[in-house]
C-alpha atoms as a PDB file:
ATOM      1  CA  MET A   1      68.547 141.469-223.525  1.00  0.00           C
ATOM      2  CA  LYS A   2      69.868 143.297-220.452  1.00  0.00           C
ATOM      3  CA  ARG A   3      72.751 142.379-219.138  1.00  0.00           C
ATOM      4  CA  PHE A   4      73.356 142.792-215.586  1.00  0.00           C
ATOM      5  CA  ARG A   5      76.522 144.414-213.899  1.00  0.00           C
ATOM      6  CA  LEU A   6      77.861 142.595-210.661  1.00  0.00           C
ATOM      7  CA  HIS A   7      79.074 145.106-208.428  1.00  0.00           C
ATOM      8  CA  ASN A   8      82.654 144.382-206.417  1.00  0.00           C
ATOM      9  CA  SER A   9      81.676 147.030-203.762  1.00  0.00           C
ATOM     10  CA  VAL A  10      80.541 144.046-201.059  1.00  0.00           C
ATOM     11  CA  THR A  11      82.944 144.052-198.021  1.00  0.00           C
ATOM     12  CA  ARG A  12      84.135 140.945-196.774  1.00  0.00           C
ATOM     13  CA  THR A  13      84.376 140.157-193.027  1.00  0.00           C
ATOM     14  CA  ASP A  14      86.628 137.056-192.748  1.00  0.00           C
ATOM     15  CA  GLY A  15      88.707 136.469-189.840  1.00  0.00           C
ATOM     16  CA  PHE A  16      88.375 137.587-186.359  1.00  0.00           C
ATOM     17  CA  THR A  17      89.023 140.759-184.881  1.00  0.00           C
ATOM     18  CA  LEU A  18      91.428 141.681-182.473  1.00  0.00           C
ATOM     19  CA  ILE A  19      88.765 141.522-179.192  1.00  0.00           C
ATOM     20  CA  GLU A  20      87.821 137.927-180.242  1.00  0.00           C
ATOM     21  CA  LEU A  21      91.455 136.609-180.569  1.00  0.00           C
ATOM     22  CA  PHE A  22      92.049 137.867-176.627  1.00  0.00           C
ATOM     23  CA  VAL A  23      89.007 136.258-175.377  1.00  0.00           C
ATOM     24  CA  VAL A  24      89.898 133.024-176.522  1.00  0.00           C
ATOM     25  CA  ILE A  25      93.576 133.829-175.440  1.00  0.00           C
ATOM     26  CA  ILE A  26      92.118 134.517-171.818  1.00  0.00           C
ATOM     27  CA  MET A  27      89.804 131.658-171.889  1.00  0.00           C
ATOM     28  CA  VAL A  28      92.623 129.244-173.028  1.00  0.00           C
ATOM     29  CA  GLY A  29      94.695 130.309-169.842  1.00  0.00           C
ATOM     30  CA  ILE A  30      92.310 130.031-167.300  1.00  0.00           C
ATOM     31  CA  LEU A  31      91.444 126.281-168.538  1.00  0.00           C
ATOM     32  CA  ALA A  32      95.166 125.751-168.331  1.00  0.00           C
ATOM     33  CA  ALA A  33      95.499 127.341-164.639  1.00  0.00           C
ATOM     34  CA  ILE A  34      92.471 125.583-163.306  1.00  0.00           C
ATOM     35  CA  ALA A  35      94.014 121.828-165.055  1.00  0.00           C
ATOM     36  CA  ALA A  36      97.548 122.433-164.413  1.00  0.00           C
ATOM     37  CA  PRO A  37      97.896 121.965-160.707  1.00  0.00           C
ATOM     38  CA  GLY A  38      95.752 118.660-161.215  1.00  0.00           C
ATOM     39  CA  TRP A  39      98.154 117.587-163.769  1.00  0.00           C
ATOM     40  CA  LEU A  40     100.797 118.478-161.932  1.00  0.00           C
ATOM     41  CA  GLY A  41      99.543 115.939-158.590  1.00  0.00           C
ATOM     42  CA  TYR A  42      99.181 113.155-161.201  1.00  0.00           C
ATOM     43  CA  ILE A  43     102.541 113.073-162.482  1.00  0.00           C
ATOM     44  CA  SER A  44     103.534 113.203-158.574  1.00  0.00           C
ATOM     45  CA  ARG A  45     101.270 110.868-157.598  1.00  0.00           C
ATOM     46  CA  GLN A  46     102.645 108.649-160.334  1.00  0.00           C
ATOM     47  CA  ARG A  47     106.448 109.212-159.707  1.00  0.00           C
ATOM     48  CA  VAL A  48     105.816 108.186-155.685  1.00  0.00           C
ATOM     49  CA  SER A  49     104.255 105.379-156.978  1.00  0.00           C
ATOM     50  CA  ARG A  50     107.071 104.071-159.388  1.00  0.00           C
ATOM     51  CA  ALA A  51     109.795 104.703-156.601  1.00  0.00           C
ATOM     52  CA  ARG A  52     107.572 102.840-154.074  1.00  0.00           C
ATOM     53  CA  SER A  53     107.476  99.692-156.879  1.00  0.00           C
ATOM     54  CA  ASP A  54     111.320 100.356-157.514  1.00  0.00           C
ATOM     55  CA  LEU A  55     112.134 100.130-153.327  1.00  0.00           C
ATOM     56  CA  VAL A  56     109.985  97.197-153.171  1.00  0.00           C
ATOM     57  CA  GLN A  57     112.287  95.029-156.337  1.00  0.00           C
ATOM     58  CA  ILE A  58     115.070  96.752-154.687  1.00  0.00           C
ATOM     59  CA  ILE A  59     114.142  94.856-151.326  1.00  0.00           C
ATOM     60  CA  GLN A  60     112.710  92.056-153.000  1.00  0.00           C
ATOM     61  CA  SER A  61     115.842  91.181-155.211  1.00  0.00           C
ATOM     62  CA  ALA A  62     118.325  91.767-151.458  1.00  0.00           C
ATOM     63  CA  GLN A  63     116.803  89.417-150.223  1.00  0.00           C
ATOM     64  CA  THR A  64     116.291  87.105-152.560  1.00  0.00           C
ATOM     65  CA  GLU A  65     120.066  87.312-152.900  1.00  0.00           C
ATOM     66  CA  ALA A  66     120.730  86.869-149.663  1.00  0.00           C
ATOM     67  CA  GLN A  67     118.766  83.438-149.894  1.00  0.00           C
ATOM     68  CA  GLN A  68     120.425  82.185-152.677  1.00  0.00           C
ATOM     69  CA  ARG A  69     124.219  83.147-152.196  1.00  0.00           C
ATOM     70  CA  ASN A  70     123.973  82.525-148.118  1.00  0.00           C
ATOM     71  CA  SER A  71     125.476  85.889-147.270  1.00  0.00           C
ATOM     72  CA  THR A  72     124.334  88.496-145.606  1.00  0.00           C
ATOM     73  CA  ARG A  73     122.898  91.895-147.904  1.00  0.00           C
ATOM     74  CA  VAL A  74     122.334  95.100-146.640  1.00  0.00           C
ATOM     75  CA  ILE A  75     120.556  98.023-148.136  1.00  0.00           C
ATOM     76  CA  ARG A  76     121.281 101.220-147.327  1.00  0.00           C
ATOM     77  CA  PHE A  77     120.053 104.374-147.839  1.00  0.00           C
ATOM     78  CA  SER A  78     120.969 107.836-149.442  1.00  0.00           C
ATOM     79  CA  GLU A  79     121.221 110.233-146.429  1.00  0.00           C
ATOM     80  CA  ALA A  80     122.278 113.170-148.255  1.00  0.00           C
ATOM     81  CA  ALA A  81     118.898 115.752-148.713  1.00  0.00           C
ATOM     82  CA  ASP A  82     120.913 118.431-150.206  1.00  0.00           C
ATOM     83  CA  VAL A  83     122.749 116.296-153.350  1.00  0.00           C
ATOM     84  CA  PRO A  84     120.764 116.977-156.867  1.00  0.00           C
ATOM     85  CA  GLY A  85     119.778 113.993-158.547  1.00  0.00           C
ATOM     86  CA  PRO A  86     117.228 110.994-157.506  1.00  0.00           C
ATOM     87  CA  PRO A  87     117.317 109.494-154.640  1.00  0.00           C
ATOM     88  CA  THR A  88     119.836 106.330-154.511  1.00  0.00           C
ATOM     89  CA  VAL A  89     119.783 102.926-152.424  1.00  0.00           C
ATOM     90  CA  GLN A  90     122.766 101.138-152.138  1.00  0.00           C
ATOM     91  CA  VAL A  91     122.943  96.707-151.974  1.00  0.00           C
ATOM     92  CA  ASN A  92     125.825  95.598-150.193  1.00  0.00           C
ATOM     93  CA  PRO A  93     127.063  92.303-149.776  1.00  0.00           C
ATOM     94  CA  GLU A  94     128.100  92.481-146.398  1.00  0.00           C
ATOM     95  CA  GLU A  95     127.828  95.031-143.041  1.00  0.00           C
ATOM     96  CA  GLY A  96     130.509  97.550-142.724  1.00  0.00           C
ATOM     97  CA  LEU A  97     131.074  97.754-146.908  1.00  0.00           C
ATOM     98  CA  THR A  98     130.535 101.276-148.435  1.00  0.00           C
ATOM     99  CA  ASP A  99     130.806  99.799-151.951  1.00  0.00           C
ATOM    100  CA  GLY A 100     127.799  97.725-153.399  1.00  0.00           C
ATOM    101  CA  ARG A 101     125.564  97.733-156.445  1.00  0.00           C
ATOM    102  CA  GLU A 102     123.844 101.302-156.290  1.00  0.00           C
ATOM    103  CA  GLN A 103     120.440 101.771-157.933  1.00  0.00           C
ATOM    104  CA  SER A 104     118.143 104.841-158.753  1.00  0.00           C
ATOM    105  CA  VAL A 105     114.774 104.989-157.415  1.00  0.00           C
ATOM    106  CA  GLY A 106     111.809 106.284-159.535  1.00  0.00           C
ATOM    107  CA  GLY A 107     113.646 106.840-162.369  1.00  0.00           C
ATOM    108  CA  GLU A 108     116.055 109.961-163.673  1.00  0.00           C
ATOM    109  CA  GLN A 109     113.679 112.708-163.417  1.00  0.00           C
ATOM    110  CA  ASN A 110     112.914 112.129-159.650  1.00  0.00           C
ATOM    111  CA  ASP A 111     114.617 114.993-157.808  1.00  0.00           C
ATOM    112  CA  ALA A 112     111.207 115.718-155.808  1.00  0.00           C
ATOM    113  CA  ILE A 113     111.061 112.224-154.104  1.00  0.00           C
ATOM    114  CA  GLN A 114     112.568 112.019-150.988  1.00  0.00           C
ATOM    115  CA  LEU A 115     113.076 109.007-148.876  1.00  0.00           C
ATOM    116  CA  THR A 116     112.767 108.724-145.394  1.00  0.00           C
ATOM    117  CA  ALA A 117     113.448 105.572-143.991  1.00  0.00           C
ATOM    118  CA  SER A 118     113.380 104.161-140.697  1.00  0.00           C
ATOM    119  CA  ALA A 119     117.096 102.600-140.052  1.00  0.00           C
ATOM    120  CA  GLN A 120     119.925 103.852-141.926  1.00  0.00           C
ATOM    121  CA  GLU A 121     120.609 100.335-142.912  1.00  0.00           C
ATOM    122  CA  PHE A 122     118.113  97.432-143.843  1.00  0.00           C
ATOM    123  CA  VAL A 123     120.238  93.847-143.301  1.00  0.00           C
ATOM    124  CA  PHE A 124     119.223  90.185-144.949  1.00  0.00           C
ATOM    125  CA  ASN A 125     121.182  87.539-143.292  1.00  0.00           C
ATOM    126  CA  TYR A 126     122.287  84.512-145.113  1.00  0.00           C
ATOM    127  CA  LYS A 127     118.531  83.135-144.801  1.00  0.00           C
ATOM    128  CA  GLY A 128     116.931  86.146-145.648  1.00  0.00           C
ATOM    129  CA  GLU A 129     115.437  86.691-142.925  1.00  0.00           C
ATOM    130  CA  ALA A 130     115.086  90.818-141.835  1.00  0.00           C
ATOM    131  CA  GLU A 131     117.156  91.173-138.291  1.00  0.00           C
ATOM    132  CA  GLU A 132     115.389  93.915-136.753  1.00  0.00           C
ATOM    133  CA  ALA A 133     111.941  93.985-138.289  1.00  0.00           C
ATOM    134  CA  PRO A 134     109.774  96.276-138.993  1.00  0.00           C
ATOM    135  CA  TYR A 135     111.455  98.669-141.216  1.00  0.00           C
ATOM    136  CA  MET A 136     110.406 101.216-142.849  1.00  0.00           C
ATOM    137  CA  VAL A 137     111.245 103.691-145.686  1.00  0.00           C
ATOM    138  CA  SER A 138     108.644 106.456-146.317  1.00  0.00           C
ATOM    139  CA  VAL A 139     108.208 107.810-149.953  1.00  0.00           C
ATOM    140  CA  THR A 140     106.885 111.297-150.613  1.00  0.00           C
ATOM    141  CA  SER A 141     107.405 114.276-152.962  1.00  0.00           C
ATOM    142  CA  GLU A 142     107.027 118.037-152.230  1.00  0.00           C
ATOM    143  CA  PHE A 143     103.520 117.937-154.655  1.00  0.00           C
ATOM    144  CA  SER A 144     102.323 115.047-153.028  1.00  0.00           C
ATOM    145  CA  ASN A 145      99.886 115.002-149.382  1.00  0.00           C
ATOM    146  CA  THR A 146      99.679 111.384-149.212  1.00  0.00           C
ATOM    147  CA  PRO A 147     103.257 109.343-148.003  1.00  0.00           C
ATOM    148  CA  ARG A 148     103.078 106.218-149.078  1.00  0.00           C
ATOM    149  CA  CYS A 149     105.575 103.362-147.864  1.00  0.00           C
ATOM    150  CA  VAL A 150     107.153  99.566-147.869  1.00  0.00           C
ATOM    151  CA  ILE A 151     107.574  98.030-144.691  1.00  0.00           C
ATOM    152  CA  VAL A 152     109.135  95.096-144.093  1.00  0.00           C
ATOM    153  CA  SER A 153     106.963  93.982-141.398  1.00  0.00           C
ATOM    154  CA  THR A 154     108.420  90.723-140.528  1.00  0.00           C
ATOM    155  CA  LEU A 155     111.445  88.665-139.272  1.00  0.00           C
ATOM    156  CA  LEU A 156     110.710  86.051-142.441  1.00  0.00           C
ATOM    157  CA  GLY A 157     111.015  89.211-144.649  1.00  0.00           C
ATOM    158  CA  GLY A 158     107.330  89.990-145.528  1.00  0.00           C
ATOM    159  CA  ILE A 159     106.893  93.562-147.398  1.00  0.00           C
ATOM    160  CA  VAL A 160     103.640  95.205-146.994  1.00  0.00           C
ATOM    161  CA  GLN A 161     102.567  98.157-149.137  1.00  0.00           C
ATOM    162  CA  ALA A 162     100.843 101.363-147.415  1.00  0.00           C
ATOM    163  CA  GLU A 163      99.927 104.878-147.969  1.00  0.00           C
ATOM    164  CA  GLY A 164      98.360 107.639-145.743  1.00  0.00           C
ATOM    165  CA  ASP A 165      98.051 106.586-142.215  1.00  0.00           C
ATOM    166  CA  ASP A 166      98.932 103.143-142.710  1.00  0.00           C
ATOM    167  CA  CYS A 167     102.517 104.461-142.715  1.00  0.00           C
ATOM    168  CA  ASP A 168     103.425 103.978-139.230  1.00  0.00           C
ATOM    169  CA  VAL A 169     105.881 101.511-138.175  1.00  0.00           C
ATOM    170  CA  THR A 170     104.281 101.147-134.768  1.00  0.00           C
ATOM    171  CA  LEU A 171     101.294  99.324-136.477  1.00  0.00           C
ATOM    172  CA  TYR A 172     103.503  96.459-137.460  1.00  0.00           C
ATOM    173  CA  GLU A 173     105.228  95.472-133.837  1.00  0.00           C
END
């Protein structure tokens, strides 16, 4: 009986070459470059929507407070655009007061959110009626092209959420 010898001279080519690795890294980079702007736009739209929702809640709670406590409620918007951090809204129990309940709009990481109000103050009288309607607050972001807004459209305090071309306060006069 003959014995066969196995030769270990077979060369193995396991693994990837350096060129293959570079090709894969370049492909991943290209895909990331394509997907990143879309993802950033999506995140920005979500932040603007959250800020608008926060504004609606603040306005509705101030209006409800005015009705329940039979007293005036004033909503003031932070006017300093150079101040770092998220925009804030202050709800005061009376006109002329500069202290009150300050609320952040849109969460902690919304430095890119800007609020633009048609008036520096929104006033709800003791019945919860808006004194000089319509009021409008526009919420924009440096990454979002479409403005979104909250409009207190009637003297009774009806609140409308709009976006784009519908964010024109003259449509609600």
